[in-house]
PDB file of N, CA and C in Angstrom:
ATOM      1  N   MET A   1      73.649  48.295  78.100  1.00  0.00           N
ATOM      2  CA  MET A   1      74.172  48.593  79.475  1.00  0.00           C
ATOM      3  C   MET A   1      75.095  48.477  80.186  1.00  0.00           C
ATOM      4  N   GLN A   2      75.971  49.185  79.554  1.00  0.00           N
ATOM      5  CA  GLN A   2      77.106  49.489  80.580  1.00  0.00           C
ATOM      6  C   GLN A   2      77.007  51.059  80.664  1.00  0.00           C
ATOM      7  N   TYR A   3      76.387  51.716  79.517  1.00  0.00           N
ATOM      8  CA  TYR A   3      76.691  53.121  80.094  1.00  0.00           C
ATOM      9  C   TYR A   3      75.464  53.613  81.117  1.00  0.00           C
ATOM     10  N   GLU A   4      74.266  52.780  81.582  1.00  0.00           N
ATOM     11  CA  GLU A   4      73.509  52.801  82.311  1.00  0.00           C
ATOM     12  C   GLU A   4      74.278  52.645  84.008  1.00  0.00           C
ATOM     13  N   ARG A   5      74.823  51.786  83.952  1.00  0.00           N
ATOM     14  CA  ARG A   5      75.971  51.149  84.754  1.00  0.00           C
ATOM     15  C   ARG A   5      76.427  52.089  85.548  1.00  0.00           C
ATOM     16  N   ALA A   6      77.182  52.515  84.485  1.00  0.00           N
ATOM     17  CA  ALA A   6      78.230  53.810  84.884  1.00  0.00           C
ATOM     18  C   ALA A   6      77.606  54.769  84.961  1.00  0.00           C
ATOM     19  N   ALA A   7      76.445  55.283  84.521  1.00  0.00           N
ATOM     20  CA  ALA A   7      75.564  56.572  85.045  1.00  0.00           C
ATOM     21  C   ALA A   7      74.763  56.447  86.668  1.00  0.00           C
ATOM     22  N   ILE A   8      74.828  55.042  86.631  1.00  0.00           N
ATOM     23  CA  ILE A   8      74.355  55.266  88.442  1.00  0.00           C
ATOM     24  C   ILE A   8      75.079  55.262  89.188  1.00  0.00           C
ATOM     25  N   ARG A   9      76.044  54.081  88.741  1.00  0.00           N
ATOM     26  CA  ARG A   9      77.324  54.334  89.805  1.00  0.00           C
ATOM     27  C   ARG A   9      77.936  55.932  89.915  1.00  0.00           C
ATOM     28  N   SER A  10      78.263  56.608  89.098  1.00  0.00           N
ATOM     29  CA  SER A  10      78.519  57.843  89.433  1.00  0.00           C
ATOM     30  C   SER A  10      77.679  58.950  90.349  1.00  0.00           C
ATOM     31  N   PHE A  11      75.984  58.836  89.919  1.00  0.00           N
ATOM     32  CA  PHE A  11      75.344  59.234  90.511  1.00  0.00           C
ATOM     33  C   PHE A  11      75.170  59.321  91.461  1.00  0.00           C
ATOM     34  N   ARG A  12      75.279  57.519  92.062  1.00  0.00           N
ATOM     35  CA  ARG A  12      75.521  57.294  93.460  1.00  0.00           C
ATOM     36  C   ARG A  12      76.939  57.452  94.269  1.00  0.00           C
ATOM     37  N   ALA A  13      77.756  57.719  93.728  1.00  0.00           N
ATOM     38  CA  ALA A  13      79.127  58.196  94.448  1.00  0.00           C
ATOM     39  C   ALA A  13      78.806  59.919  94.267  1.00  0.00           C
ATOM     40  N   ALA A  14      78.037  60.488  94.083  1.00  0.00           N
ATOM     41  CA  ALA A  14      78.190  62.073  94.222  1.00  0.00           C
ATOM     42  C   ALA A  14      79.006  62.785  92.961  1.00  0.00           C
ATOM     43  N   GLU A  15      79.362  61.854  92.046  1.00  0.00           N
ATOM     44  CA  GLU A  15      80.565  62.105  90.994  1.00  0.00           C
ATOM     45  C   GLU A  15      79.584  62.914  89.706  1.00  0.00           C
ATOM     46  N   SER A  16      78.395  62.610  89.412  1.00  0.00           N
ATOM     47  CA  SER A  16      77.719  63.343  88.711  1.00  0.00           C
ATOM     48  C   SER A  16      76.001  63.521  89.036  1.00  0.00           C
ATOM     49  N   SER A  17      75.307  64.247  88.652  1.00  0.00           N
ATOM     50  CA  SER A  17      74.152  65.131  89.221  1.00  0.00           C
ATOM     51  C   SER A  17      72.902  64.038  88.493  1.00  0.00           C
ATOM     52  N   ALA A  18      71.681  64.163  89.083  1.00  0.00           N
ATOM     53  CA  ALA A  18      70.279  63.620  88.654  1.00  0.00           C
ATOM     54  C   ALA A  18      69.936  63.803  87.044  1.00  0.00           C
ATOM     55  N   ARG A  19      70.237  64.971  87.073  1.00  0.00           N
ATOM     56  CA  ARG A  19      70.305  65.453  85.760  1.00  0.00           C
ATOM     57  C   ARG A  19      71.188  64.834  84.237  1.00  0.00           C
ATOM     58  N   ASP A  20      72.388  64.648  85.008  1.00  0.00           N
ATOM     59  CA  ASP A  20      73.393  63.716  84.139  1.00  0.00           C
ATOM     60  C   ASP A  20      72.437  62.174  83.885  1.00  0.00           C
ATOM     61  N   LEU A  21      72.035  62.069  85.018  1.00  0.00           N
ATOM     62  CA  LEU A  21      72.363  60.361  85.432  1.00  0.00           C
ATOM     63  C   LEU A  21      70.319  60.064  84.432  1.00  0.00           C
ATOM     64  N   ILE A  22      69.523  61.298  84.427  1.00  0.00           N
ATOM     65  CA  ILE A  22      68.329  61.294  83.374  1.00  0.00           C
ATOM     66  C   ILE A  22      68.702  61.377  82.092  1.00  0.00           C
ATOM     67  N   SER A  23      69.781  62.452  81.492  1.00  0.00           N
ATOM     68  CA  SER A  23      70.145  62.541  80.502  1.00  0.00           C
ATOM     69  C   SER A  23      70.587  61.038  79.856  1.00  0.00           C
ATOM     70  N   THR A  24      71.433  60.671  80.423  1.00  0.00           N
ATOM     71  CA  THR A  24      71.849  59.292  79.690  1.00  0.00           C
ATOM     72  C   THR A  24      71.042  58.229  79.408  1.00  0.00           C
ATOM     73  N   LEU A  25      70.020  57.911  80.435  1.00  0.00           N
ATOM     74  CA  LEU A  25      69.177  57.009  80.785  1.00  0.00           C
ATOM     75  C   LEU A  25      68.045  57.472  79.607  1.00  0.00           C
ATOM     76  N   TRP A  26      67.800  58.693  79.046  1.00  0.00           N
ATOM     77  CA  TRP A  26      66.889  59.347  78.093  1.00  0.00           C
ATOM     78  C   TRP A  26      67.761  58.893  77.003  1.00  0.00           C
ATOM     79  N   SER A  27      68.658  59.158  76.661  1.00  0.00           N
ATOM     80  CA  SER A  27      69.819  58.694  75.585  1.00  0.00           C
ATOM     81  C   SER A  27      69.601  57.112  75.282  1.00  0.00           C
ATOM     82  N   VAL A  28      70.240  56.161  76.245  1.00  0.00           N
ATOM     83  CA  VAL A  28      70.054  54.684  75.872  1.00  0.00           C
ATOM     84  C   VAL A  28      68.290  54.626  75.442  1.00  0.00           C
ATOM     85  N   VAL A  29      67.393  54.890  75.382  1.00  0.00           N
ATOM     86  CA  VAL A  29      66.005  54.048  75.422  1.00  0.00           C
ATOM     87  C   VAL A  29      65.714  55.390  74.081  1.00  0.00           C
ATOM     88  N   ASP A  30      66.671  56.172  73.820  1.00  0.00           N
ATOM     89  CA  ASP A  30      66.615  56.355  72.274  1.00  0.00           C
ATOM     90  C   ASP A  30      65.402  57.638  72.650  1.00  0.00           C
ATOM     91  N   VAL A  31      64.481  58.314  73.549  1.00  0.00           N
ATOM     92  CA  VAL A  31      63.481  59.585  73.884  1.00  0.00           C
ATOM     93  C   VAL A  31      62.228  58.579  73.749  1.00  0.00           C
ATOM     94  N   ARG A  32      62.215  57.373  74.451  1.00  0.00           N
ATOM     95  CA  ARG A  32      61.259  56.656  74.258  1.00  0.00           C
ATOM     96  C   ARG A  32      60.696  57.068  75.725  1.00  0.00           C
ATOM     97  N   MET A  33      59.673  57.880  75.962  1.00  0.00           N
ATOM     98  CA  MET A  33      59.385  57.959  76.973  1.00  0.00           C
ATOM     99  C   MET A  33      58.885  57.045  78.380  1.00  0.00           C
ATOM    100  N   GLU A  34      57.936  56.260  77.599  1.00  0.00           N
ATOM    101  CA  GLU A  34      57.617  55.073  78.177  1.00  0.00           C
ATOM    102  C   GLU A  34      58.468  54.316  78.877  1.00  0.00           C
ATOM    103  N   SER A  35      59.491  54.085  77.870  1.00  0.00           N
ATOM    104  CA  SER A  35      60.848  53.207  78.663  1.00  0.00           C
ATOM    105  C   SER A  35      61.742  53.826  79.402  1.00  0.00           C
ATOM    106  N   ALA A  36      61.762  54.978  79.576  1.00  0.00           N
ATOM    107  CA  ALA A  36      62.484  55.585  80.454  1.00  0.00           C
ATOM    108  C   ALA A  36      62.074  55.929  81.595  1.00  0.00           C
ATOM    109  N   ALA A  37      60.838  55.962  81.767  1.00  0.00           N
ATOM    110  CA  ALA A  37      60.231  56.272  82.591  1.00  0.00           C
ATOM    111  C   ALA A  37      60.017  54.903  83.918  1.00  0.00           C
ATOM    112  N   SER A  38      60.149  53.881  82.602  1.00  0.00           N
ATOM    113  CA  SER A  38      60.147  52.442  83.553  1.00  0.00           C
ATOM    114  C   SER A  38      61.516  52.373  84.585  1.00  0.00           C
ATOM    115  N   ILE A  39      62.384  52.639  83.615  1.00  0.00           N
ATOM    116  CA  ILE A  39      63.942  52.493  84.355  1.00  0.00           C
ATOM    117  C   ILE A  39      63.918  53.023  85.116  1.00  0.00           C
ATOM    118  N   VAL A  40      63.299  54.553  85.053  1.00  0.00           N
ATOM    119  CA  VAL A  40      63.730  55.666  86.262  1.00  0.00           C
ATOM    120  C   VAL A  40      63.160  55.286  87.701  1.00  0.00           C
ATOM    121  N   ASN A  41      62.264  54.590  87.530  1.00  0.00           N
ATOM    122  CA  ASN A  41      61.377  54.222  88.840  1.00  0.00           C
ATOM    123  C   ASN A  41      61.701  53.136  88.945  1.00  0.00           C
ATOM    124  N   ALA A  42      62.230  52.117  88.147  1.00  0.00           N
ATOM    125  CA  ALA A  42      62.613  51.089  89.063  1.00  0.00           C
ATOM    126  C   ALA A  42      64.421  51.404  89.934  1.00  0.00           C
ATOM    127  N   PHE A  43      64.813  52.306  89.450  1.00  0.00           N
ATOM    128  CA  PHE A  43      66.077  52.970  90.000  1.00  0.00           C
ATOM    129  C   PHE A  43      65.820  53.292  91.311  1.00  0.00           C
ATOM    130  N   VAL A  44      64.369  54.466  91.218  1.00  0.00           N
ATOM    131  CA  VAL A  44      63.740  55.113  92.269  1.00  0.00           C
ATOM    132  C   VAL A  44      63.646  54.140  93.178  1.00  0.00           C
ATOM    133  N   ASP A  45      63.469  53.511  93.197  1.00  0.00           N
ATOM    134  CA  ASP A  45      63.123  52.322  94.356  1.00  0.00           C
ATOM    135  C   ASP A  45      63.859  51.247  94.826  1.00  0.00           C
ATOM    136  N   LEU A  46      64.919  51.348  93.987  1.00  0.00           N
ATOM    137  CA  LEU A  46      66.117  51.332  94.726  1.00  0.00           C
ATOM    138  C   LEU A  46      66.596  52.285  95.764  1.00  0.00           C
ATOM    139  N   LEU A  47      66.608  53.309  95.663  1.00  0.00           N
ATOM    140  CA  LEU A  47      66.849  54.093  96.567  1.00  0.00           C
ATOM    141  C   LEU A  47      66.805  54.446  97.813  1.00  0.00           C
ATOM    142  N   GLU A  48      67.255  54.623  98.578  1.00  0.00           N
ATOM    143  CA  GLU A  48      66.147  54.511  99.905  1.00  0.00           C
ATOM    144  C   GLU A  48      65.853  55.927 100.396  1.00  0.00           C
ATOM    145  N   GLU A  49      64.649  56.342 101.079  1.00  0.00           N
ATOM    146  CA  GLU A  49      64.189  57.200 101.248  1.00  0.00           C
ATOM    147  C   GLU A  49      65.568  58.611 100.978  1.00  0.00           C
ATOM    148  N   GLY A  50      65.303  59.563 100.802  1.00  0.00           N
ATOM    149  CA  GLY A  50      66.434  60.229 100.798  1.00  0.00           C
ATOM    150  C   GLY A  50      66.789  61.682 100.237  1.00  0.00           C
ATOM    151  N   GLU A  51      67.608  61.975 100.004  1.00  0.00           N
ATOM    152  CA  GLU A  51      68.368  63.331  98.893  1.00  0.00           C
ATOM    153  C   GLU A  51      68.433  62.848  97.586  1.00  0.00           C
ATOM    154  N   GLN A  52      69.142  61.592  97.299  1.00  0.00           N
ATOM    155  CA  GLN A  52      68.883  61.063  96.106  1.00  0.00           C
ATOM    156  C   GLN A  52      68.179  61.043  95.302  1.00  0.00           C
ATOM    157  N   ARG A  53      66.833  60.095  96.454  1.00  0.00           N
ATOM    158  CA  ARG A  53      65.857  59.610  95.601  1.00  0.00           C
ATOM    159  C   ARG A  53      64.891  61.098  95.185  1.00  0.00           C
ATOM    160  N   GLU A  54      64.933  62.528  96.154  1.00  0.00           N
ATOM    161  CA  GLU A  54      64.314  63.307  96.028  1.00  0.00           C
ATOM    162  C   GLU A  54      64.687  64.060  94.582  1.00  0.00           C
ATOM    163  N   VAL A  55      66.478  63.745  94.658  1.00  0.00           N
ATOM    164  CA  VAL A  55      66.780  65.018  93.163  1.00  0.00           C
ATOM    165  C   VAL A  55      66.308  64.500  91.753  1.00  0.00           C
ATOM    166  N   VAL A  56      66.556  62.858  91.926  1.00  0.00           N
ATOM    167  CA  VAL A  56      66.326  62.058  90.968  1.00  0.00           C
ATOM    168  C   VAL A  56      64.699  62.157  90.464  1.00  0.00           C
ATOM    169  N   LEU A  57      63.428  62.585  91.349  1.00  0.00           N
ATOM    170  CA  LEU A  57      62.479  62.403  90.798  1.00  0.00           C
ATOM    171  C   LEU A  57      62.152  64.149  90.289  1.00  0.00           C
ATOM    172  N   ALA A  58      63.352  64.794  90.626  1.00  0.00           N
ATOM    173  CA  ALA A  58      62.862  66.482  90.386  1.00  0.00           C
ATOM    174  C   ALA A  58      63.633  66.243  89.095  1.00  0.00           C
ATOM    175  N   ALA A  59      64.709  65.785  88.540  1.00  0.00           N
ATOM    176  CA  ALA A  59      65.408  65.786  87.548  1.00  0.00           C
ATOM    177  C   ALA A  59      64.658  65.579  86.371  1.00  0.00           C
ATOM    178  N   TRP A  60      63.022  64.672  86.663  1.00  0.00           N
ATOM    179  CA  TRP A  60      62.645  63.714  85.497  1.00  0.00           C
ATOM    180  C   TRP A  60      61.766  64.699  84.853  1.00  0.00           C
ATOM    181  N   PRO A  61      61.829  64.858  83.341  1.00  0.00           N
ATOM    182  CA  PRO A  61      61.476  66.393  82.806  1.00  0.00           C
ATOM    183  C   PRO A  61      59.752  66.556  82.851  1.00  0.00           C
ATOM    184  N   ARG A  62      59.830  67.744  82.854  1.00  0.00           N
ATOM    185  CA  ARG A  62      58.136  67.663  82.735  1.00  0.00           C
ATOM    186  C   ARG A  62      58.039  67.590  81.380  1.00  0.00           C
ATOM    187  N   PRO A  63      56.036  67.760  81.262  1.00  0.00           N
ATOM    188  CA  PRO A  63      55.927  67.623  79.816  1.00  0.00           C
ATOM    189  C   PRO A  63      56.250  69.061  78.896  1.00  0.00           C
ATOM    190  N   GLY A  64      56.189  69.176  78.115  1.00  0.00           N
ATOM    191  CA  GLY A  64      56.329  70.435  77.111  1.00  0.00           C
ATOM    192  C   GLY A  64      56.202  70.040  75.846  1.00  0.00           C
ATOM    193  N   PRO A  65      56.334  71.231  75.148  1.00  0.00           N
ATOM    194  CA  PRO A  65      55.679  70.922  73.394  1.00  0.00           C
ATOM    195  C   PRO A  65      56.484  69.835  72.764  1.00  0.00           C
ATOM    196  N   ARG A  66      57.470  69.543  72.995  1.00  0.00           N
ATOM    197  CA  ARG A  66      58.759  69.078  72.292  1.00  0.00           C
ATOM    198  C   ARG A  66      58.134  67.207  72.980  1.00  0.00           C
ATOM    199  N   MET A  67      57.880  67.228  74.126  1.00  0.00           N
ATOM    200  CA  MET A  67      58.333  66.066  74.604  1.00  0.00           C
ATOM    201  C   MET A  67      56.691  65.505  74.601  1.00  0.00           C
ATOM    202  N   GLY A  68      55.657  66.112  74.095  1.00  0.00           N
ATOM    203  CA  GLY A  68      53.892  64.911  73.969  1.00  0.00           C
ATOM    204  C   GLY A  68      53.828  65.516  75.856  1.00  0.00           C
ATOM    205  N   ARG A  69      52.991  63.840  75.842  1.00  0.00           N
ATOM    206  CA  ARG A  69      52.676  63.962  77.523  1.00  0.00           C
ATOM    207  C   ARG A  69      54.002  63.200  78.010  1.00  0.00           C
ATOM    208  N   ALA A  70      54.608  63.485  78.989  1.00  0.00           N
ATOM    209  CA  ALA A  70      55.301  62.776  79.928  1.00  0.00           C
ATOM    210  C   ALA A  70      54.467  61.596  80.980  1.00  0.00           C
ATOM    211  N   ARG A  71      55.237  60.678  80.872  1.00  0.00           N
ATOM    212  CA  ARG A  71      54.852  59.611  81.905  1.00  0.00           C
ATOM    213  C   ARG A  71      55.257  60.708  83.240  1.00  0.00           C
ATOM    214  N   ARG A  72      54.505  60.164  84.221  1.00  0.00           N
ATOM    215  CA  ARG A  72      54.406  60.612  85.458  1.00  0.00           C
ATOM    216  C   ARG A  72      55.272  59.875  86.421  1.00  0.00           C
ATOM    217  N   LEU A  73      56.240  59.856  87.084  1.00  0.00           N
ATOM    218  CA  LEU A  73      56.880  59.095  88.008  1.00  0.00           C
ATOM    219  C   LEU A  73      56.025  58.807  89.561  1.00  0.00           C
ATOM    220  N   ARG A  74      56.335  57.626  90.086  1.00  0.00           N
ATOM    221  CA  ARG A  74      55.999  58.036  91.187  1.00  0.00           C
ATOM    222  C   ARG A  74      56.790  58.291  92.283  1.00  0.00           C
ATOM    223  N   ARG A  75      55.663  58.827  92.899  1.00  0.00           N
ATOM    224  CA  ARG A  75      56.857  59.333  94.543  1.00  0.00           C
ATOM    225  C   ARG A  75      56.126  58.611  95.631  1.00  0.00           C
TER     226      ARG A  75
END
């Protein structure tokens, strides 16, 4: 849990990118799409409307050959 908190803190302080945040969360859940989507959705719900929310949603990976079916995040 320490890695997730550090990644979130770093993103909210504008010290890292949304892509870095997603990458960290992705690694922590061992590339389990459903788990990662649940965590990212919960985090997005905590963010106020605005730029940070949009960049996190934009950083979420799109479906591709290696990922199978990616779960959609709420907008």
